């Protein structure tokens, strides 16, 4: 009766020296083959990593190229507005040229997903607004933006520059009592 182990090979006691040497050589060959394949795979992974790093670097260097090209057109329009205003000695021409350029610049920003944050008359939102002053008033709701000092902007759903605002707050009751006592 032939008793086989789990690998379908005869028990060691039944194997002779030649068979053991042959099996050992086969296993060495297979392990060298696996090692060689592993080294090639490691080299492939390393090459892939280097290529990805190069591509990421290239993308980051030139990712704003399209935006810069559009902004250069805005620069051209500003230069043209200045030349035209200098040639005609007209401030109105300069104003019109700058207004036209500002509209174009806003369009470029809009194409990039940049929109202004509407602030005046809106409830104060600390995620979108930075308050620099509080005005005590009775004629408006508490924590409402009364004045926008500097416009804020969002890019898609992210605030990239918060608005700087002044906020109305209700007059404190202690001040009201002081006025009544006077």
N, C-alpha and C. Protein backbone atom coordinates (compact mmCIF):
# COMPACT_ATOMS: atom_id res chain seq x y z
N UNK A 1 0.83 -1.17 0.00
CA UNK A 1 0.00 0.00 0.00
C UNK A 1 0.88 1.24 0.00
N UNK A 2 0.60 2.14 -0.88
CA UNK A 2 1.39 3.36 -1.02
C UNK A 2 0.69 4.47 -0.24
N UNK A 3 1.36 5.01 0.80
CA UNK A 3 0.80 6.11 1.60
C UNK A 3 1.38 7.42 1.09
N UNK A 4 0.47 8.29 0.63
CA UNK A 4 0.91 9.59 0.12
C UNK A 4 0.65 10.66 1.17
N UNK A 5 1.55 11.67 1.19
CA UNK A 5 1.31 12.80 2.08
C UNK A 5 0.40 13.80 1.37
N UNK A 6 0.19 14.95 1.93
CA UNK A 6 -0.76 15.91 1.38
C UNK A 6 -0.35 16.44 0.02
N UNK A 7 0.90 16.36 -0.36
CA UNK A 7 1.36 16.87 -1.65
C UNK A 7 1.38 15.79 -2.72
N UNK A 8 0.93 14.64 -2.44
CA UNK A 8 0.90 13.57 -3.41
C UNK A 8 2.27 12.96 -3.65
N UNK A 9 3.20 13.24 -2.78
CA UNK A 9 4.55 12.68 -2.93
C UNK A 9 4.72 11.54 -1.92
N UNK A 10 5.53 10.56 -2.24
CA UNK A 10 5.74 9.45 -1.30
C UNK A 10 6.39 9.95 -0.03
N UNK A 11 6.24 9.22 1.04
CA UNK A 11 6.87 9.60 2.31
C UNK A 11 8.38 9.62 2.13
N UNK A 12 9.04 10.43 2.96
CA UNK A 12 10.49 10.58 2.83
C UNK A 12 11.22 9.25 3.00
N UNK A 13 10.72 8.42 3.83
CA UNK A 13 11.40 7.14 4.05
C UNK A 13 11.42 6.30 2.78
N UNK A 14 10.48 6.53 1.91
CA UNK A 14 10.42 5.76 0.67
C UNK A 14 11.23 6.41 -0.45
N UNK A 15 11.64 7.68 -0.26
CA UNK A 15 12.41 8.39 -1.28
C UNK A 15 13.89 8.06 -1.13
N UNK A 16 14.53 7.90 -2.25
CA UNK A 16 15.99 7.67 -2.16
C UNK A 16 16.72 9.00 -2.33
N UNK A 17 18.00 8.95 -2.19
CA UNK A 17 18.83 10.15 -2.22
C UNK A 17 18.71 10.88 -3.55
N UNK A 18 18.67 10.15 -4.66
CA UNK A 18 18.55 10.78 -5.98
C UNK A 18 17.25 11.56 -6.12
N UNK A 19 16.18 10.97 -5.66
CA UNK A 19 14.88 11.63 -5.74
C UNK A 19 14.88 12.91 -4.89
N UNK A 20 15.47 12.83 -3.71
CA UNK A 20 15.54 14.01 -2.85
C UNK A 20 16.37 15.13 -3.49
N UNK A 21 17.47 14.80 -4.10
CA UNK A 21 18.30 15.80 -4.77
C UNK A 21 17.55 16.42 -5.93
N UNK A 22 16.84 15.59 -6.69
CA UNK A 22 16.06 16.09 -7.82
C UNK A 22 14.97 17.05 -7.33
N UNK A 23 14.26 16.67 -6.28
CA UNK A 23 13.22 17.53 -5.71
C UNK A 23 13.81 18.84 -5.18
N UNK A 24 14.96 18.75 -4.55
CA UNK A 24 15.63 19.94 -4.03
C UNK A 24 16.01 20.88 -5.17
N UNK A 25 16.58 20.35 -6.25
CA UNK A 25 16.94 21.18 -7.40
C UNK A 25 15.71 21.83 -8.03
N UNK A 26 14.63 21.07 -8.11
CA UNK A 26 13.39 21.63 -8.67
C UNK A 26 12.90 22.79 -7.81
N UNK A 27 12.91 22.60 -6.52
CA UNK A 27 12.46 23.65 -5.62
C UNK A 27 13.38 24.87 -5.67
N UNK A 28 14.68 24.66 -5.78
CA UNK A 28 15.63 25.78 -5.92
C UNK A 28 15.33 26.55 -7.20
N UNK A 29 15.12 25.83 -8.29
CA UNK A 29 14.82 26.46 -9.57
C UNK A 29 13.53 27.29 -9.47
N UNK A 30 12.50 26.71 -8.85
CA UNK A 30 11.23 27.43 -8.70
C UNK A 30 11.40 28.66 -7.82
N UNK A 31 12.14 28.53 -6.74
CA UNK A 31 12.33 29.68 -5.86
C UNK A 31 13.15 30.78 -6.55
N UNK A 32 14.14 30.39 -7.35
CA UNK A 32 14.91 31.39 -8.11
C UNK A 32 14.02 32.07 -9.14
N UNK A 33 13.16 31.31 -9.76
CA UNK A 33 12.21 31.87 -10.75
C UNK A 33 11.28 32.87 -10.05
N UNK A 34 10.76 32.48 -8.87
CA UNK A 34 9.89 33.38 -8.12
C UNK A 34 10.65 34.63 -7.68
N UNK A 35 11.88 34.47 -7.26
CA UNK A 35 12.69 35.60 -6.84
C UNK A 35 12.93 36.55 -8.01
N UNK A 36 13.24 35.98 -9.17
CA UNK A 36 13.46 36.80 -10.37
C UNK A 36 12.18 37.56 -10.72
N UNK A 37 11.05 36.87 -10.70
CA UNK A 37 9.77 37.53 -11.00
C UNK A 37 9.47 38.62 -9.99
N UNK A 38 9.76 38.35 -8.73
CA UNK A 38 9.54 39.36 -7.69
C UNK A 38 10.41 40.59 -7.93
N UNK A 39 11.66 40.38 -8.30
CA UNK A 39 12.56 41.52 -8.57
C UNK A 39 12.04 42.34 -9.74
N UNK A 40 11.56 41.67 -10.82
CA UNK A 40 10.99 42.40 -11.95
C UNK A 40 9.75 43.19 -11.53
N UNK A 41 8.93 42.56 -10.70
CA UNK A 41 7.72 43.26 -10.24
C UNK A 41 8.08 44.46 -9.37
N UNK A 42 9.07 44.31 -8.51
CA UNK A 42 9.52 45.44 -7.69
C UNK A 42 10.05 46.56 -8.56
N UNK A 43 10.80 46.21 -9.58
CA UNK A 43 11.33 47.22 -10.51
C UNK A 43 10.19 47.90 -11.24
N UNK A 44 9.20 47.13 -11.67
CA UNK A 44 8.04 47.71 -12.35
C UNK A 44 7.29 48.68 -11.45
N UNK A 45 7.08 48.28 -10.20
CA UNK A 45 6.39 49.15 -9.24
C UNK A 45 7.20 50.42 -9.01
N UNK A 46 8.49 50.30 -8.86
CA UNK A 46 9.35 51.48 -8.65
C UNK A 46 9.30 52.40 -9.86
N UNK A 47 9.36 51.85 -11.06
CA UNK A 47 9.27 52.66 -12.29
C UNK A 47 7.91 53.35 -12.38
N UNK A 48 6.86 52.63 -12.02
CA UNK A 48 5.52 53.21 -12.04
C UNK A 48 5.43 54.36 -11.04
N UNK A 49 5.99 54.16 -9.85
CA UNK A 49 5.97 55.22 -8.84
C UNK A 49 6.72 56.45 -9.33
N UNK A 50 7.89 56.24 -9.94
CA UNK A 50 8.67 57.37 -10.45
C UNK A 50 7.91 58.09 -11.56
N UNK A 51 7.28 57.32 -12.46
CA UNK A 51 6.53 57.93 -13.56
C UNK A 51 5.35 58.74 -13.00
N UNK A 52 4.65 58.18 -12.01
CA UNK A 52 3.53 58.91 -11.40
C UNK A 52 4.02 60.18 -10.71
N UNK A 53 5.14 60.11 -10.01
CA UNK A 53 5.71 61.29 -9.36
C UNK A 53 6.03 62.37 -10.40
N UNK A 54 6.63 61.95 -11.54
CA UNK A 54 6.95 62.92 -12.60
C UNK A 54 5.67 63.55 -13.16
N UNK A 55 4.65 62.73 -13.38
CA UNK A 55 3.40 63.24 -13.93
C UNK A 55 2.71 64.19 -12.95
N UNK A 56 2.73 63.84 -11.66
CA UNK A 56 2.13 64.72 -10.66
C UNK A 56 2.87 66.05 -10.61
N UNK A 57 4.20 66.00 -10.68
CA UNK A 57 4.99 67.23 -10.67
C UNK A 57 4.68 68.08 -11.90
N UNK A 58 4.58 67.44 -13.05
CA UNK A 58 4.28 68.17 -14.28
C UNK A 58 2.89 68.78 -14.23
N UNK A 59 1.93 68.04 -13.74
CA UNK A 59 0.56 68.56 -13.64
C UNK A 59 0.52 69.74 -12.68
N UNK A 60 1.21 69.63 -11.56
CA UNK A 60 1.18 70.73 -10.60
C UNK A 60 1.89 71.97 -11.15
N UNK A 61 2.92 71.78 -11.96
CA UNK A 61 3.62 72.93 -12.54
C UNK A 61 2.78 73.65 -13.58
N UNK A 62 1.99 72.89 -14.33
CA UNK A 62 1.27 73.49 -15.45
C UNK A 62 -0.24 73.47 -15.28
N UNK A 63 -0.73 73.17 -14.07
CA UNK A 63 -2.17 73.06 -13.86
C UNK A 63 -2.88 74.40 -14.03
N UNK A 64 -2.21 75.48 -13.81
CA UNK A 64 -2.84 76.79 -13.93
C UNK A 64 -2.60 77.45 -15.28
N UNK A 65 -2.01 76.72 -16.20
CA UNK A 65 -1.66 77.30 -17.50
C UNK A 65 -2.87 77.89 -18.21
N UNK A 66 -3.98 77.15 -18.23
CA UNK A 66 -5.18 77.64 -18.92
C UNK A 66 -5.67 78.94 -18.28
N UNK A 67 -5.66 78.98 -16.95
CA UNK A 67 -6.09 80.19 -16.24
C UNK A 67 -5.14 81.35 -16.53
N UNK A 68 -3.86 81.10 -16.53
CA UNK A 68 -2.87 82.16 -16.78
C UNK A 68 -3.05 82.73 -18.19
N UNK A 69 -3.31 81.87 -19.17
CA UNK A 69 -3.53 82.34 -20.54
C UNK A 69 -4.73 83.28 -20.58
N UNK A 70 -5.81 82.92 -19.88
CA UNK A 70 -6.99 83.79 -19.84
C UNK A 70 -6.68 85.11 -19.13
N UNK A 71 -5.89 85.04 -18.08
CA UNK A 71 -5.54 86.26 -17.35
C UNK A 71 -4.63 87.17 -18.18
N UNK A 72 -3.80 86.57 -19.03
CA UNK A 72 -2.95 87.39 -19.90
C UNK A 72 -3.80 88.20 -20.88
N UNK A 73 -4.93 87.64 -21.29
CA UNK A 73 -5.85 88.41 -22.14
C UNK A 73 -6.42 89.59 -21.37
N UNK A 74 -6.67 89.42 -20.09
CA UNK A 74 -7.15 90.52 -19.25
C UNK A 74 -6.07 91.58 -19.12
N UNK A 75 -4.83 91.18 -18.95
CA UNK A 75 -3.70 92.12 -18.89
C UNK A 75 -3.63 92.92 -20.20
N UNK A 76 -3.78 92.22 -21.33
CA UNK A 76 -3.77 92.90 -22.64
C UNK A 76 -4.85 93.99 -22.69
N UNK A 77 -6.04 93.65 -22.21
CA UNK A 77 -7.13 94.63 -22.24
C UNK A 77 -6.85 95.82 -21.33
N UNK A 78 -6.25 95.58 -20.18
CA UNK A 78 -5.89 96.69 -19.29
C UNK A 78 -4.85 97.60 -19.96
N UNK A 79 -3.85 96.99 -20.57
CA UNK A 79 -2.83 97.79 -21.26
C UNK A 79 -3.45 98.60 -22.40
N UNK A 80 -4.38 97.98 -23.13
CA UNK A 80 -5.03 98.68 -24.23
C UNK A 80 -5.88 99.84 -23.69
N UNK A 81 -6.58 99.64 -22.57
CA UNK A 81 -7.39 100.70 -21.98
C UNK A 81 -6.52 101.87 -21.55
N UNK A 82 -5.36 101.59 -20.99
CA UNK A 82 -4.44 102.66 -20.56
C UNK A 82 -3.92 103.42 -21.78
N UNK A 83 -3.51 102.70 -22.84
CA UNK A 83 -3.02 103.37 -24.05
C UNK A 83 -4.09 104.26 -24.66
N UNK A 84 -5.32 103.73 -24.74
CA UNK A 84 -6.41 104.50 -25.34
C UNK A 84 -6.71 105.74 -24.51
N UNK A 85 -6.72 105.61 -23.19
CA UNK A 85 -6.99 106.75 -22.32
C UNK A 85 -5.88 107.79 -22.42
N UNK A 86 -4.61 107.33 -22.53
CA UNK A 86 -3.50 108.27 -22.67
C UNK A 86 -3.57 109.00 -24.00
N UNK A 87 -3.94 108.30 -25.05
CA UNK A 87 -4.01 108.90 -26.39
C UNK A 87 -5.13 109.93 -26.47
N UNK A 88 -6.24 109.66 -25.79
CA UNK A 88 -7.37 110.59 -25.89
C UNK A 88 -7.44 111.56 -24.73
N UNK A 89 -6.54 111.41 -23.77
CA UNK A 89 -6.55 112.26 -22.57
C UNK A 89 -7.92 112.28 -21.91
N UNK A 90 -8.58 111.12 -21.90
CA UNK A 90 -9.93 111.05 -21.36
C UNK A 90 -9.96 110.05 -20.21
N UNK A 91 -10.38 110.51 -19.07
CA UNK A 91 -10.55 109.64 -17.92
C UNK A 91 -11.74 108.71 -18.10
N UNK A 92 -12.75 109.19 -18.83
CA UNK A 92 -13.94 108.37 -19.07
C UNK A 92 -13.58 107.13 -19.90
N UNK A 93 -12.70 107.29 -20.88
CA UNK A 93 -12.27 106.15 -21.69
C UNK A 93 -11.56 105.11 -20.83
N UNK A 94 -10.74 105.61 -19.93
CA UNK A 94 -10.03 104.70 -19.02
C UNK A 94 -11.02 103.96 -18.12
N UNK A 95 -11.98 104.68 -17.59
CA UNK A 95 -12.98 104.05 -16.72
C UNK A 95 -13.74 102.97 -17.49
N UNK A 96 -14.16 103.27 -18.70
CA UNK A 96 -14.90 102.29 -19.51
C UNK A 96 -14.03 101.06 -19.82
N UNK A 97 -12.76 101.32 -20.13
CA UNK A 97 -11.85 100.21 -20.43
C UNK A 97 -11.62 99.33 -19.21
N UNK A 98 -11.47 99.95 -18.05
CA UNK A 98 -11.25 99.18 -16.82
C UNK A 98 -12.53 98.41 -16.46
N UNK A 99 -13.69 99.02 -16.65
CA UNK A 99 -14.95 98.32 -16.38
C UNK A 99 -15.10 97.10 -17.30
N UNK A 100 -14.77 97.28 -18.56
CA UNK A 100 -14.85 96.18 -19.52
C UNK A 100 -13.89 95.05 -19.11
N UNK A 101 -12.71 95.43 -18.69
CA UNK A 101 -11.71 94.45 -18.27
C UNK A 101 -12.16 93.73 -17.00
N UNK A 102 -12.74 94.46 -16.07
CA UNK A 102 -13.24 93.85 -14.85
C UNK A 102 -14.33 92.83 -15.16
N UNK A 103 -15.23 93.14 -16.10
CA UNK A 103 -16.26 92.17 -16.50
C UNK A 103 -15.62 90.92 -17.07
N UNK A 104 -14.59 91.09 -17.88
CA UNK A 104 -13.92 89.93 -18.46
C UNK A 104 -13.22 89.10 -17.38
N UNK A 105 -12.57 89.77 -16.45
CA UNK A 105 -11.89 89.07 -15.36
C UNK A 105 -12.89 88.29 -14.51
N UNK A 106 -14.03 88.89 -14.23
CA UNK A 106 -15.07 88.18 -13.46
C UNK A 106 -15.56 86.95 -14.22
N UNK A 107 -15.65 87.06 -15.54
CA UNK A 107 -16.09 85.91 -16.35
C UNK A 107 -15.05 84.79 -16.28
N UNK A 108 -13.77 85.14 -16.35
CA UNK A 108 -12.70 84.14 -16.24
C UNK A 108 -12.79 83.43 -14.88
N UNK A 109 -12.98 84.21 -13.82
CA UNK A 109 -13.10 83.63 -12.48
C UNK A 109 -14.33 82.74 -12.38
N UNK A 110 -15.43 83.18 -12.98
CA UNK A 110 -16.66 82.40 -12.96
C UNK A 110 -16.47 81.05 -13.67
N UNK A 111 -15.73 81.06 -14.78
CA UNK A 111 -15.45 79.82 -15.49
C UNK A 111 -14.64 78.85 -14.63
N UNK A 112 -13.87 79.38 -13.70
CA UNK A 112 -13.08 78.55 -12.79
C UNK A 112 -13.87 78.18 -11.54
N UNK A 113 -15.15 78.58 -11.48
CA UNK A 113 -15.99 78.23 -10.33
C UNK A 113 -15.89 79.21 -9.18
N UNK A 114 -15.34 80.41 -9.44
CA UNK A 114 -15.18 81.41 -8.39
C UNK A 114 -16.36 82.37 -8.44
N UNK A 115 -17.04 82.50 -7.29
CA UNK A 115 -18.19 83.41 -7.20
C UNK A 115 -18.04 84.27 -5.96
N UNK A 116 -18.57 85.51 -6.02
CA UNK A 116 -18.50 86.37 -4.84
C UNK A 116 -19.48 85.89 -3.77
N UNK A 117 -19.14 86.16 -2.52
CA UNK A 117 -20.02 85.84 -1.40
C UNK A 117 -20.93 87.05 -1.19
N UNK A 118 -22.22 86.81 -1.24
CA UNK A 118 -23.17 87.88 -0.98
C UNK A 118 -23.21 88.11 0.53
N UNK A 119 -22.99 89.34 0.97
CA UNK A 119 -22.87 89.58 2.40
C UNK A 119 -23.84 90.62 2.93
N UNK A 120 -23.91 91.79 2.30
CA UNK A 120 -24.70 92.90 2.84
C UNK A 120 -26.16 92.49 3.02
N UNK A 121 -26.66 92.73 4.25
CA UNK A 121 -28.05 92.40 4.56
C UNK A 121 -28.28 90.94 4.92
N UNK A 122 -27.26 90.12 4.83
CA UNK A 122 -27.39 88.69 5.14
C UNK A 122 -26.97 88.44 6.60
N UNK A 123 -27.42 87.31 7.11
CA UNK A 123 -27.03 86.93 8.47
C UNK A 123 -25.53 86.65 8.50
N UNK A 124 -24.88 87.03 9.59
CA UNK A 124 -23.45 86.80 9.74
C UNK A 124 -23.18 85.31 9.81
N UNK A 125 -22.25 84.84 8.99
CA UNK A 125 -21.85 83.43 8.95
C UNK A 125 -20.34 83.38 9.17
N UNK A 126 -19.89 82.88 10.32
CA UNK A 126 -18.45 82.88 10.60
C UNK A 126 -17.63 82.03 9.62
N UNK A 127 -18.30 81.15 8.89
CA UNK A 127 -17.59 80.36 7.88
C UNK A 127 -17.31 81.18 6.62
N UNK A 128 -18.11 82.23 6.40
CA UNK A 128 -17.96 83.02 5.18
C UNK A 128 -17.53 84.46 5.44
N UNK A 129 -17.66 84.91 6.69
CA UNK A 129 -17.40 86.31 7.01
C UNK A 129 -16.39 86.45 8.15
N UNK A 130 -15.58 87.49 8.07
CA UNK A 130 -14.73 87.91 9.19
C UNK A 130 -15.23 89.28 9.62
N UNK A 131 -15.73 89.37 10.84
CA UNK A 131 -16.26 90.64 11.34
C UNK A 131 -15.11 91.46 11.90
N UNK A 132 -15.05 92.72 11.47
CA UNK A 132 -14.01 93.61 12.00
C UNK A 132 -14.61 94.67 12.92
N UNK A 133 -15.94 94.81 12.89
CA UNK A 133 -16.58 95.79 13.76
C UNK A 133 -18.02 95.36 14.02
N UNK A 134 -18.50 95.76 15.18
CA UNK A 134 -19.90 95.52 15.54
C UNK A 134 -20.54 96.88 15.79
N UNK A 135 -21.65 97.12 15.15
CA UNK A 135 -22.38 98.39 15.32
C UNK A 135 -23.65 98.09 16.09
N UNK A 136 -23.85 98.81 17.19
CA UNK A 136 -25.07 98.62 17.96
C UNK A 136 -26.19 99.42 17.31
N UNK A 137 -27.25 98.69 16.91
CA UNK A 137 -28.38 99.34 16.23
C UNK A 137 -29.68 98.65 16.64
N UNK A 138 -30.74 99.41 16.60
CA UNK A 138 -32.06 98.86 16.90
C UNK A 138 -32.84 98.55 15.64
N UNK A 139 -32.45 99.14 14.52
CA UNK A 139 -33.26 99.05 13.31
C UNK A 139 -33.01 97.78 12.47
N UNK A 140 -32.10 96.93 12.88
CA UNK A 140 -31.82 95.70 12.13
C UNK A 140 -31.77 94.51 13.08
N UNK A 141 -31.89 93.33 12.49
CA UNK A 141 -31.80 92.10 13.28
C UNK A 141 -30.39 91.94 13.86
N UNK A 142 -30.30 91.17 14.92
CA UNK A 142 -29.02 90.90 15.55
C UNK A 142 -28.14 90.06 14.61
N UNK A 143 -26.87 90.38 14.54
CA UNK A 143 -25.86 89.65 13.75
C UNK A 143 -26.17 89.65 12.26
N UNK A 144 -26.54 90.80 11.74
CA UNK A 144 -26.73 90.96 10.31
C UNK A 144 -25.61 91.83 9.77
N UNK A 145 -25.09 91.44 8.60
CA UNK A 145 -24.00 92.19 7.99
C UNK A 145 -24.57 93.52 7.48
N UNK A 146 -23.98 94.62 7.95
CA UNK A 146 -24.45 95.94 7.53
C UNK A 146 -23.58 96.55 6.44
N UNK A 147 -22.30 96.14 6.43
CA UNK A 147 -21.40 96.70 5.43
C UNK A 147 -20.33 95.68 5.07
N UNK A 148 -20.05 95.61 3.78
CA UNK A 148 -18.98 94.73 3.31
C UNK A 148 -17.75 95.59 3.06
N UNK A 149 -16.70 95.37 3.83
CA UNK A 149 -15.47 96.14 3.71
C UNK A 149 -14.63 95.60 2.55
N UNK A 150 -14.55 94.27 2.46
CA UNK A 150 -13.84 93.62 1.36
C UNK A 150 -14.63 92.38 0.96
N UNK A 151 -14.85 92.25 -0.34
CA UNK A 151 -15.63 91.14 -0.88
C UNK A 151 -14.90 89.82 -0.68
N UNK A 152 -15.68 88.81 -0.33
CA UNK A 152 -15.14 87.46 -0.18
C UNK A 152 -15.52 86.62 -1.39
N UNK A 153 -14.83 85.49 -1.56
CA UNK A 153 -15.08 84.63 -2.73
C UNK A 153 -15.09 83.16 -2.34
N UNK A 154 -15.88 82.42 -3.09
CA UNK A 154 -15.94 80.96 -2.95
C UNK A 154 -15.48 80.35 -4.27
N UNK A 155 -14.82 79.20 -4.17
CA UNK A 155 -14.47 78.44 -5.37
C UNK A 155 -15.23 77.14 -5.24
N UNK A 156 -16.25 77.02 -6.10
CA UNK A 156 -17.21 75.93 -6.03
C UNK A 156 -17.87 75.98 -4.66
N UNK A 157 -17.68 75.03 -3.78
CA UNK A 157 -18.34 75.04 -2.47
C UNK A 157 -17.40 75.46 -1.34
N UNK A 158 -16.17 75.85 -1.66
CA UNK A 158 -15.17 76.17 -0.64
C UNK A 158 -14.92 77.68 -0.58
N UNK A 159 -14.89 78.21 0.63
CA UNK A 159 -14.55 79.62 0.82
C UNK A 159 -13.04 79.76 0.63
N UNK A 160 -12.65 80.55 -0.38
CA UNK A 160 -11.22 80.75 -0.60
C UNK A 160 -10.74 82.08 -0.03
N UNK A 161 -11.69 83.01 0.19
CA UNK A 161 -11.36 84.25 0.87
C UNK A 161 -12.64 84.76 1.52
N UNK A 162 -12.69 84.79 2.86
CA UNK A 162 -13.91 85.25 3.53
C UNK A 162 -14.10 86.76 3.34
N UNK A 163 -15.35 87.18 3.40
CA UNK A 163 -15.67 88.61 3.32
C UNK A 163 -15.30 89.27 4.64
N UNK A 164 -14.79 90.49 4.56
CA UNK A 164 -14.54 91.28 5.76
C UNK A 164 -15.72 92.22 5.90
N UNK A 165 -16.41 92.12 7.04
CA UNK A 165 -17.69 92.81 7.18
C UNK A 165 -17.81 93.53 8.52
N UNK A 166 -18.81 94.43 8.55
CA UNK A 166 -19.25 95.04 9.80
C UNK A 166 -20.62 94.44 10.09
N UNK A 167 -20.88 94.18 11.37
CA UNK A 167 -22.09 93.46 11.77
C UNK A 167 -22.90 94.31 12.73
N UNK A 168 -24.22 94.26 12.58
CA UNK A 168 -25.12 94.96 13.49
C UNK A 168 -25.45 94.04 14.66
N UNK A 169 -25.45 94.61 15.86
CA UNK A 169 -25.88 93.88 17.05
C UNK A 169 -26.90 94.76 17.77
N UNK A 170 -27.80 94.13 18.50
CA UNK A 170 -28.79 94.88 19.27
C UNK A 170 -28.09 95.67 20.37
N UNK A 171 -28.62 96.86 20.66
CA UNK A 171 -28.06 97.65 21.75
C UNK A 171 -28.26 96.88 23.04
N UNK A 172 -27.26 96.92 23.88
CA UNK A 172 -27.36 96.17 25.14
C UNK A 172 -28.37 96.83 26.05
N UNK A 173 -29.02 96.04 26.87
CA UNK A 173 -30.06 96.55 27.76
C UNK A 173 -29.46 97.46 28.82
N UNK A 174 -28.22 97.22 29.21
CA UNK A 174 -27.60 98.07 30.23
C UNK A 174 -27.43 99.49 29.71
N UNK A 175 -27.14 99.63 28.42
CA UNK A 175 -27.01 100.97 27.83
C UNK A 175 -28.38 101.64 27.77
N UNK A 176 -29.42 100.85 27.47
CA UNK A 176 -30.77 101.41 27.43
C UNK A 176 -31.17 101.93 28.80
N UNK A 177 -30.84 101.20 29.87
CA UNK A 177 -31.16 101.63 31.22
C UNK A 177 -30.41 102.91 31.57
N UNK A 178 -29.14 103.02 31.15
CA UNK A 178 -28.35 104.21 31.41
C UNK A 178 -28.97 105.42 30.73
N UNK A 179 -29.47 105.26 29.52
CA UNK A 179 -30.08 106.37 28.79
C UNK A 179 -31.36 106.80 29.48
N UNK A 180 -32.15 105.84 30.00
CA UNK A 180 -33.40 106.17 30.68
C UNK A 180 -33.13 106.92 31.97
N UNK A 181 -32.03 106.61 32.65
CA UNK A 181 -31.70 107.27 33.91
C UNK A 181 -31.22 108.69 33.69
N UNK A 182 -30.70 108.99 32.52
CA UNK A 182 -30.17 110.35 32.25
C UNK A 182 -31.28 111.26 32.00
